[in-house]
């Protein structure tokens, strides 16, 4: 995600919104998977890696753009 390595840009807000939306969907997928009758050793490694990558990118965006970090999420 090259965009997160640049200085503050006009796309920061849009990128943060998309990343947050995808993260919420990942959390929902994990929640739904937990309700399935899967073996105990079943792991969601690919989903977990994606989640960690997206969170890292969001943290970089928030560090770079203080106005973005001040936005209160709507639940």
N, C-alpha and C. Protein backbone atom coordinates (compact mmCIF):
# COMPACT_ATOMS: atom_id res chain seq x y z
N UNK A 1 0.84 -1.17 0.00
CA UNK A 1 0.00 0.00 0.00
C UNK A 1 0.88 1.24 0.00
N UNK A 2 1.32 1.57 -1.15
CA UNK A 2 2.24 2.67 -1.34
C UNK A 2 1.67 4.00 -0.86
N UNK A 3 0.37 4.15 -0.93
CA UNK A 3 -0.27 5.43 -0.59
C UNK A 3 0.02 5.82 0.86
N UNK A 4 0.10 4.86 1.75
CA UNK A 4 0.31 5.16 3.16
C UNK A 4 1.73 5.62 3.45
N UNK A 5 2.64 5.48 2.51
CA UNK A 5 4.03 5.89 2.72
C UNK A 5 4.27 7.33 2.30
N UNK A 6 3.33 7.93 1.61
CA UNK A 6 3.49 9.31 1.15
C UNK A 6 3.16 10.28 2.28
N UNK A 7 3.47 11.56 2.05
CA UNK A 7 3.07 12.57 3.01
C UNK A 7 1.56 12.75 2.94
N UNK A 8 1.01 13.54 3.84
CA UNK A 8 -0.43 13.76 3.89
C UNK A 8 -0.96 14.13 2.51
N UNK A 9 -2.03 13.46 2.12
CA UNK A 9 -2.61 13.73 0.81
C UNK A 9 -4.12 13.81 0.91
N UNK A 10 -4.72 14.22 -0.19
CA UNK A 10 -6.18 14.35 -0.23
C UNK A 10 -6.88 13.01 -0.15
N UNK A 11 -6.18 11.93 -0.42
CA UNK A 11 -6.81 10.62 -0.43
C UNK A 11 -6.81 9.95 0.94
N UNK A 12 -6.18 10.57 1.95
CA UNK A 12 -6.09 9.94 3.27
C UNK A 12 -7.46 9.62 3.85
N UNK A 13 -8.39 10.55 3.76
CA UNK A 13 -9.72 10.33 4.33
C UNK A 13 -10.45 9.19 3.62
N UNK A 14 -10.38 9.19 2.30
CA UNK A 14 -11.04 8.13 1.53
C UNK A 14 -10.40 6.77 1.81
N UNK A 15 -9.08 6.74 1.86
CA UNK A 15 -8.38 5.49 2.13
C UNK A 15 -8.70 4.97 3.52
N UNK A 16 -8.72 5.85 4.50
CA UNK A 16 -9.05 5.44 5.87
C UNK A 16 -10.47 4.90 5.95
N UNK A 17 -11.39 5.52 5.25
CA UNK A 17 -12.78 5.04 5.26
C UNK A 17 -12.88 3.64 4.65
N UNK A 18 -12.20 3.43 3.54
CA UNK A 18 -12.23 2.12 2.89
C UNK A 18 -11.59 1.07 3.80
N UNK A 19 -10.43 1.38 4.36
CA UNK A 19 -9.76 0.43 5.25
C UNK A 19 -10.62 0.10 6.46
N UNK A 20 -11.25 1.10 7.05
CA UNK A 20 -12.14 0.86 8.19
C UNK A 20 -13.31 -0.03 7.81
N UNK A 21 -13.88 0.21 6.64
CA UNK A 21 -15.01 -0.61 6.17
C UNK A 21 -14.59 -2.06 5.99
N UNK A 22 -13.43 -2.26 5.38
CA UNK A 22 -12.94 -3.62 5.16
C UNK A 22 -12.62 -4.29 6.50
N UNK A 23 -12.06 -3.54 7.43
CA UNK A 23 -11.76 -4.11 8.74
C UNK A 23 -13.03 -4.55 9.46
N UNK A 24 -14.08 -3.77 9.36
CA UNK A 24 -15.35 -4.17 9.97
C UNK A 24 -15.88 -5.44 9.33
N UNK A 25 -15.71 -5.58 8.02
CA UNK A 25 -16.15 -6.80 7.34
C UNK A 25 -15.31 -8.00 7.76
N UNK A 26 -14.00 -7.80 7.95
CA UNK A 26 -13.14 -8.88 8.42
C UNK A 26 -13.57 -9.33 9.82
N UNK A 27 -13.83 -8.37 10.69
CA UNK A 27 -14.28 -8.71 12.04
C UNK A 27 -15.59 -9.49 11.98
N UNK A 28 -16.49 -9.09 11.10
CA UNK A 28 -17.76 -9.79 10.94
C UNK A 28 -17.53 -11.22 10.44
N UNK A 29 -16.62 -11.39 9.48
CA UNK A 29 -16.30 -12.73 8.98
C UNK A 29 -15.73 -13.62 10.08
N UNK A 30 -14.85 -13.05 10.89
CA UNK A 30 -14.27 -13.83 12.00
C UNK A 30 -15.36 -14.22 12.98
N UNK A 31 -16.24 -13.29 13.28
CA UNK A 31 -17.35 -13.59 14.20
C UNK A 31 -18.23 -14.70 13.66
N UNK A 32 -18.55 -14.62 12.37
CA UNK A 32 -19.39 -15.65 11.75
C UNK A 32 -18.69 -17.00 11.72
N UNK A 33 -17.39 -17.00 11.47
CA UNK A 33 -16.63 -18.24 11.42
C UNK A 33 -16.61 -18.91 12.79
N UNK A 34 -16.55 -18.12 13.84
CA UNK A 34 -16.54 -18.67 15.20
C UNK A 34 -17.83 -19.42 15.50
N UNK A 35 -18.92 -19.04 14.86
CA UNK A 35 -20.20 -19.70 15.12
C UNK A 35 -20.36 -21.00 14.34
N UNK A 36 -19.46 -21.26 13.39
CA UNK A 36 -19.51 -22.50 12.63
C UNK A 36 -18.90 -23.64 13.44
N UNK A 37 -19.27 -24.85 13.10
CA UNK A 37 -18.74 -26.01 13.81
C UNK A 37 -17.47 -26.48 13.10
N UNK A 38 -16.38 -25.76 13.31
CA UNK A 38 -15.10 -26.07 12.68
C UNK A 38 -14.19 -26.77 13.68
N UNK A 39 -13.22 -27.53 13.17
CA UNK A 39 -12.27 -28.18 14.09
C UNK A 39 -11.53 -27.15 14.94
N UNK A 40 -11.08 -27.57 16.12
CA UNK A 40 -10.40 -26.64 17.02
C UNK A 40 -9.11 -26.09 16.43
N UNK A 41 -8.45 -26.88 15.59
CA UNK A 41 -7.18 -26.43 15.03
C UNK A 41 -7.36 -25.59 13.76
N UNK A 42 -8.59 -25.28 13.40
CA UNK A 42 -8.86 -24.44 12.24
C UNK A 42 -8.40 -23.01 12.53
N UNK A 43 -7.61 -22.46 11.63
CA UNK A 43 -7.10 -21.11 11.84
C UNK A 43 -7.47 -20.20 10.69
N UNK A 44 -7.57 -18.94 10.98
CA UNK A 44 -7.90 -17.93 9.99
C UNK A 44 -6.66 -17.10 9.65
N UNK A 45 -5.56 -17.78 9.35
CA UNK A 45 -4.29 -17.07 9.16
C UNK A 45 -4.35 -16.00 8.08
N UNK A 46 -4.94 -16.30 6.94
CA UNK A 46 -4.99 -15.31 5.86
C UNK A 46 -5.80 -14.09 6.28
N UNK A 47 -6.91 -14.33 6.93
CA UNK A 47 -7.74 -13.22 7.40
C UNK A 47 -7.03 -12.43 8.49
N UNK A 48 -6.33 -13.12 9.37
CA UNK A 48 -5.59 -12.44 10.43
C UNK A 48 -4.47 -11.58 9.87
N UNK A 49 -3.74 -12.10 8.88
CA UNK A 49 -2.66 -11.33 8.26
C UNK A 49 -3.20 -10.07 7.61
N UNK A 50 -4.31 -10.21 6.91
CA UNK A 50 -4.93 -9.06 6.25
C UNK A 50 -5.35 -8.03 7.28
N UNK A 51 -5.95 -8.49 8.36
CA UNK A 51 -6.38 -7.59 9.42
C UNK A 51 -5.20 -6.80 9.99
N UNK A 52 -4.12 -7.50 10.30
CA UNK A 52 -2.93 -6.85 10.87
C UNK A 52 -2.35 -5.84 9.89
N UNK A 53 -2.28 -6.19 8.61
CA UNK A 53 -1.76 -5.27 7.60
C UNK A 53 -2.62 -4.01 7.51
N UNK A 54 -3.93 -4.17 7.47
CA UNK A 54 -4.82 -3.02 7.37
C UNK A 54 -4.74 -2.13 8.60
N UNK A 55 -4.68 -2.73 9.78
CA UNK A 55 -4.57 -1.94 11.01
C UNK A 55 -3.26 -1.16 11.00
N UNK A 56 -2.18 -1.78 10.56
CA UNK A 56 -0.89 -1.10 10.47
C UNK A 56 -0.97 0.10 9.52
N UNK A 57 -1.60 -0.09 8.38
CA UNK A 57 -1.74 1.01 7.42
C UNK A 57 -2.59 2.15 8.00
N UNK A 58 -3.66 1.79 8.71
CA UNK A 58 -4.50 2.82 9.33
C UNK A 58 -3.72 3.60 10.39
N UNK A 59 -2.93 2.89 11.18
CA UNK A 59 -2.13 3.58 12.20
C UNK A 59 -1.15 4.56 11.56
N UNK A 60 -0.56 4.18 10.45
CA UNK A 60 0.35 5.08 9.73
C UNK A 60 -0.40 6.30 9.21
N UNK A 61 -1.60 6.09 8.69
CA UNK A 61 -2.42 7.21 8.23
C UNK A 61 -2.74 8.16 9.38
N UNK A 62 -3.13 7.61 10.52
CA UNK A 62 -3.50 8.42 11.67
C UNK A 62 -2.30 9.20 12.21
N UNK A 63 -1.12 8.58 12.20
CA UNK A 63 0.09 9.27 12.66
C UNK A 63 0.41 10.46 11.75
N UNK A 64 0.21 10.26 10.47
CA UNK A 64 0.57 11.28 9.48
C UNK A 64 -0.46 12.40 9.41
N UNK A 65 -1.70 12.11 9.73
CA UNK A 65 -2.78 13.08 9.56
C UNK A 65 -3.55 13.22 10.87
N UNK A 66 -3.21 14.21 11.67
CA UNK A 66 -3.83 14.37 12.98
C UNK A 66 -5.32 14.66 12.91
N UNK A 67 -5.76 15.36 11.88
CA UNK A 67 -7.20 15.63 11.73
C UNK A 67 -7.97 14.34 11.52
N UNK A 68 -7.37 13.42 10.81
CA UNK A 68 -8.00 12.13 10.56
C UNK A 68 -8.13 11.35 11.87
N UNK A 69 -7.12 11.42 12.70
CA UNK A 69 -7.13 10.71 13.97
C UNK A 69 -8.16 11.27 14.94
N UNK A 70 -8.57 12.51 14.76
CA UNK A 70 -9.53 13.15 15.67
C UNK A 70 -10.98 12.80 15.37
N UNK A 71 -11.24 12.17 14.24
CA UNK A 71 -12.62 11.84 13.86
C UNK A 71 -13.16 10.77 14.80
N UNK A 72 -14.33 11.02 15.35
CA UNK A 72 -14.98 10.06 16.23
C UNK A 72 -15.81 9.10 15.40
N UNK A 73 -15.61 7.79 15.61
CA UNK A 73 -16.37 6.82 14.81
C UNK A 73 -17.86 6.83 15.16
N UNK A 74 -18.68 6.61 14.16
CA UNK A 74 -20.13 6.47 14.37
C UNK A 74 -20.45 5.00 14.47
N UNK A 75 -21.15 4.63 15.50
CA UNK A 75 -21.51 3.22 15.67
C UNK A 75 -22.92 2.96 15.29
